[in-house]
């Protein structure tokens, strides 16, 4: 997998070097516990670490981008 895109609060973030199923499990477990900080990359080019606060009711989209995907 090339990366995993995350859409949160109307903004775009990404996660690299992670397994999709493990990331989904982290998100589910974190939300079930009440509060969880998810580590993601912010920005294009050189990654900058950012943390997204996940709580029950948080709207988050997880989009896997496979290797070789053609992007706009």
N, C-alpha and C. Protein backbone atom coordinates (compact mmCIF):
# COMPACT_ATOMS: atom_id res chain seq x y z
N UNK A 1 0.84 -1.17 0.00
CA UNK A 1 0.00 0.00 0.00
C UNK A 1 0.90 1.24 0.00
N UNK A 2 0.55 2.17 -0.87
CA UNK A 2 1.33 3.40 -0.99
C UNK A 2 1.20 4.26 0.27
N UNK A 3 -0.05 4.50 0.68
CA UNK A 3 -0.34 5.27 1.89
C UNK A 3 -1.82 5.14 2.19
N UNK A 4 -2.23 5.71 3.29
CA UNK A 4 -3.64 5.75 3.65
C UNK A 4 -4.00 7.21 3.87
N UNK A 5 -4.98 7.69 3.12
CA UNK A 5 -5.44 9.07 3.29
C UNK A 5 -6.49 9.10 4.39
N UNK A 6 -6.49 10.19 5.14
CA UNK A 6 -7.43 10.42 6.22
C UNK A 6 -8.10 11.77 5.98
N UNK A 7 -9.42 11.80 6.02
CA UNK A 7 -10.15 13.06 5.94
C UNK A 7 -10.83 13.27 7.28
N UNK A 8 -10.55 14.42 7.90
CA UNK A 8 -10.99 14.70 9.27
C UNK A 8 -11.22 16.20 9.38
N UNK A 9 -12.38 16.60 9.82
CA UNK A 9 -12.66 18.02 10.01
C UNK A 9 -12.52 18.84 8.73
N UNK A 10 -12.81 18.23 7.59
CA UNK A 10 -12.70 18.93 6.32
C UNK A 10 -11.29 19.07 5.79
N UNK A 11 -10.33 18.47 6.47
CA UNK A 11 -8.92 18.55 6.06
C UNK A 11 -8.41 17.18 5.65
N UNK A 12 -7.33 17.18 4.88
CA UNK A 12 -6.72 15.95 4.36
C UNK A 12 -5.42 15.68 5.10
N UNK A 13 -5.26 14.45 5.55
CA UNK A 13 -4.04 13.99 6.21
C UNK A 13 -3.67 12.65 5.59
N UNK A 14 -2.52 12.09 5.94
CA UNK A 14 -2.14 10.78 5.43
C UNK A 14 -1.38 10.00 6.49
N UNK A 15 -1.33 8.70 6.25
CA UNK A 15 -0.58 7.79 7.12
C UNK A 15 0.24 6.89 6.21
N UNK A 16 1.52 6.76 6.48
CA UNK A 16 2.38 5.90 5.68
C UNK A 16 2.96 4.78 6.52
N UNK A 17 3.31 3.68 5.85
CA UNK A 17 3.97 2.58 6.55
C UNK A 17 3.10 1.84 7.55
N UNK A 18 1.79 1.89 7.37
CA UNK A 18 0.87 1.21 8.29
C UNK A 18 0.02 0.22 7.52
N UNK A 19 -0.40 -0.83 8.17
CA UNK A 19 -1.33 -1.80 7.63
C UNK A 19 -2.75 -1.25 7.82
N UNK A 20 -3.57 -1.34 6.77
CA UNK A 20 -4.93 -0.79 6.84
C UNK A 20 -5.73 -1.40 7.98
N UNK A 21 -5.71 -2.73 8.10
CA UNK A 21 -6.50 -3.38 9.16
C UNK A 21 -6.04 -2.96 10.55
N UNK A 22 -4.73 -2.81 10.75
CA UNK A 22 -4.23 -2.37 12.06
C UNK A 22 -4.66 -0.94 12.36
N UNK A 23 -4.63 -0.07 11.35
CA UNK A 23 -5.06 1.31 11.54
C UNK A 23 -6.55 1.37 11.88
N UNK A 24 -7.37 0.62 11.16
CA UNK A 24 -8.80 0.60 11.45
C UNK A 24 -9.08 0.08 12.86
N UNK A 25 -8.32 -0.93 13.28
CA UNK A 25 -8.47 -1.46 14.64
C UNK A 25 -8.08 -0.40 15.68
N UNK A 26 -6.98 0.33 15.42
CA UNK A 26 -6.56 1.39 16.34
C UNK A 26 -7.65 2.45 16.47
N UNK A 27 -8.23 2.85 15.34
CA UNK A 27 -9.29 3.86 15.37
C UNK A 27 -10.50 3.34 16.14
N UNK A 28 -10.95 2.13 15.84
CA UNK A 28 -12.12 1.55 16.52
C UNK A 28 -11.90 1.41 18.02
N UNK A 29 -10.75 0.87 18.39
CA UNK A 29 -10.43 0.68 19.81
C UNK A 29 -10.31 2.02 20.52
N UNK A 30 -9.67 2.97 19.86
CA UNK A 30 -9.50 4.30 20.46
C UNK A 30 -10.82 4.99 20.71
N UNK A 31 -11.71 4.95 19.73
CA UNK A 31 -13.02 5.58 19.89
C UNK A 31 -13.83 4.87 20.97
N UNK A 32 -13.75 3.54 21.00
CA UNK A 32 -14.48 2.77 22.02
C UNK A 32 -14.01 3.12 23.43
N UNK A 33 -12.74 3.51 23.57
CA UNK A 33 -12.22 3.86 24.89
C UNK A 33 -12.64 5.27 25.31
N UNK A 34 -13.21 6.04 24.38
CA UNK A 34 -13.70 7.38 24.72
C UNK A 34 -12.90 8.49 24.08
N UNK A 35 -11.58 8.42 24.14
CA UNK A 35 -10.71 9.46 23.58
C UNK A 35 -9.44 8.80 23.07
N UNK A 36 -9.00 9.22 21.87
CA UNK A 36 -7.76 8.67 21.31
C UNK A 36 -7.12 9.71 20.41
N UNK A 37 -5.82 9.86 20.53
CA UNK A 37 -5.05 10.73 19.63
C UNK A 37 -4.44 9.86 18.53
N UNK A 38 -4.81 10.12 17.27
CA UNK A 38 -4.30 9.39 16.11
C UNK A 38 -3.18 10.17 15.46
N UNK A 39 -2.01 9.57 15.34
CA UNK A 39 -0.86 10.20 14.71
C UNK A 39 -0.96 10.09 13.20
N UNK A 40 -0.88 11.24 12.51
CA UNK A 40 -0.98 11.31 11.05
C UNK A 40 0.08 12.27 10.52
N UNK A 41 0.19 12.33 9.19
CA UNK A 41 1.06 13.30 8.52
C UNK A 41 0.21 14.44 8.00
N UNK A 42 0.73 15.65 8.12
CA UNK A 42 0.04 16.84 7.63
C UNK A 42 0.88 17.46 6.53
N UNK A 43 0.25 17.91 5.46
CA UNK A 43 0.95 18.65 4.41
C UNK A 43 1.49 17.77 3.31
N UNK A 44 1.93 18.43 2.26
CA UNK A 44 2.53 17.77 1.10
C UNK A 44 4.04 17.87 1.22
N UNK A 45 4.74 16.97 0.54
CA UNK A 45 6.20 16.98 0.59
C UNK A 45 6.70 16.39 1.88
N UNK A 46 7.57 17.12 2.57
CA UNK A 46 8.13 16.64 3.83
C UNK A 46 7.02 16.48 4.87
N UNK A 47 6.87 15.28 5.42
CA UNK A 47 5.78 15.07 6.38
C UNK A 47 5.99 15.85 7.68
N UNK A 48 4.88 16.35 8.20
CA UNK A 48 4.85 16.98 9.52
C UNK A 48 3.86 16.19 10.35
N UNK A 49 4.28 15.77 11.51
CA UNK A 49 3.41 14.96 12.35
C UNK A 49 2.30 15.82 12.95
N UNK A 50 1.10 15.27 12.94
CA UNK A 50 -0.06 15.92 13.54
C UNK A 50 -0.84 14.85 14.31
N UNK A 51 -1.65 15.28 15.24
CA UNK A 51 -2.46 14.35 16.04
C UNK A 51 -3.92 14.75 15.93
N UNK A 52 -4.76 13.78 15.59
CA UNK A 52 -6.20 14.01 15.48
C UNK A 52 -6.89 13.42 16.71
N UNK A 53 -7.74 14.21 17.34
CA UNK A 53 -8.47 13.75 18.51
C UNK A 53 -9.72 13.01 18.07
N UNK A 54 -9.78 11.72 18.40
CA UNK A 54 -10.93 10.88 18.05
C UNK A 54 -11.76 10.63 19.29
N UNK A 55 -13.06 10.86 19.17
CA UNK A 55 -14.01 10.60 20.24
C UNK A 55 -15.26 9.99 19.60
N UNK A 56 -16.15 9.40 20.39
CA UNK A 56 -17.38 8.88 19.81
C UNK A 56 -18.11 10.00 19.04
N UNK A 57 -18.54 9.70 17.83
CA UNK A 57 -19.22 10.69 17.00
C UNK A 57 -18.30 11.44 16.06
N UNK A 58 -16.99 11.24 16.19
CA UNK A 58 -16.03 11.88 15.29
C UNK A 58 -16.25 11.38 13.87
N UNK A 59 -16.32 12.30 12.92
CA UNK A 59 -16.42 11.92 11.52
C UNK A 59 -15.03 11.83 10.93
N UNK A 60 -14.67 10.65 10.43
CA UNK A 60 -13.35 10.41 9.87
C UNK A 60 -13.52 9.45 8.69
N UNK A 61 -12.82 9.74 7.60
CA UNK A 61 -12.82 8.86 6.43
C UNK A 61 -11.42 8.31 6.25
N UNK A 62 -11.32 7.01 5.99
CA UNK A 62 -10.05 6.32 5.80
C UNK A 62 -10.05 5.78 4.37
N UNK A 63 -9.08 6.25 3.55
CA UNK A 63 -9.05 5.90 2.13
C UNK A 63 -7.70 5.27 1.79
N UNK A 64 -7.65 3.94 1.59
CA UNK A 64 -6.38 3.30 1.23
C UNK A 64 -6.01 3.65 -0.22
N UNK A 65 -4.74 4.02 -0.42
CA UNK A 65 -4.21 4.33 -1.75
C UNK A 65 -3.20 3.24 -2.10
N UNK A 66 -3.57 2.33 -3.02
CA UNK A 66 -2.68 1.21 -3.34
C UNK A 66 -1.46 1.66 -4.12
N UNK A 67 -0.40 0.85 -4.07
CA UNK A 67 0.78 1.10 -4.89
C UNK A 67 0.36 1.16 -6.35
N UNK A 68 0.97 2.07 -7.10
CA UNK A 68 0.68 2.19 -8.53
C UNK A 68 -0.59 2.94 -8.85
N UNK A 69 -1.24 3.51 -7.83
CA UNK A 69 -2.49 4.26 -8.07
C UNK A 69 -2.16 5.54 -8.85
N UNK A 70 -3.00 5.86 -9.82
CA UNK A 70 -2.84 7.09 -10.59
C UNK A 70 -3.62 8.18 -9.86
N UNK A 71 -2.92 9.27 -9.56
CA UNK A 71 -3.54 10.36 -8.80
C UNK A 71 -3.62 11.60 -9.66
N UNK A 72 -4.62 12.46 -9.39
CA UNK A 72 -4.78 13.71 -10.18
C UNK A 72 -3.63 14.65 -9.97
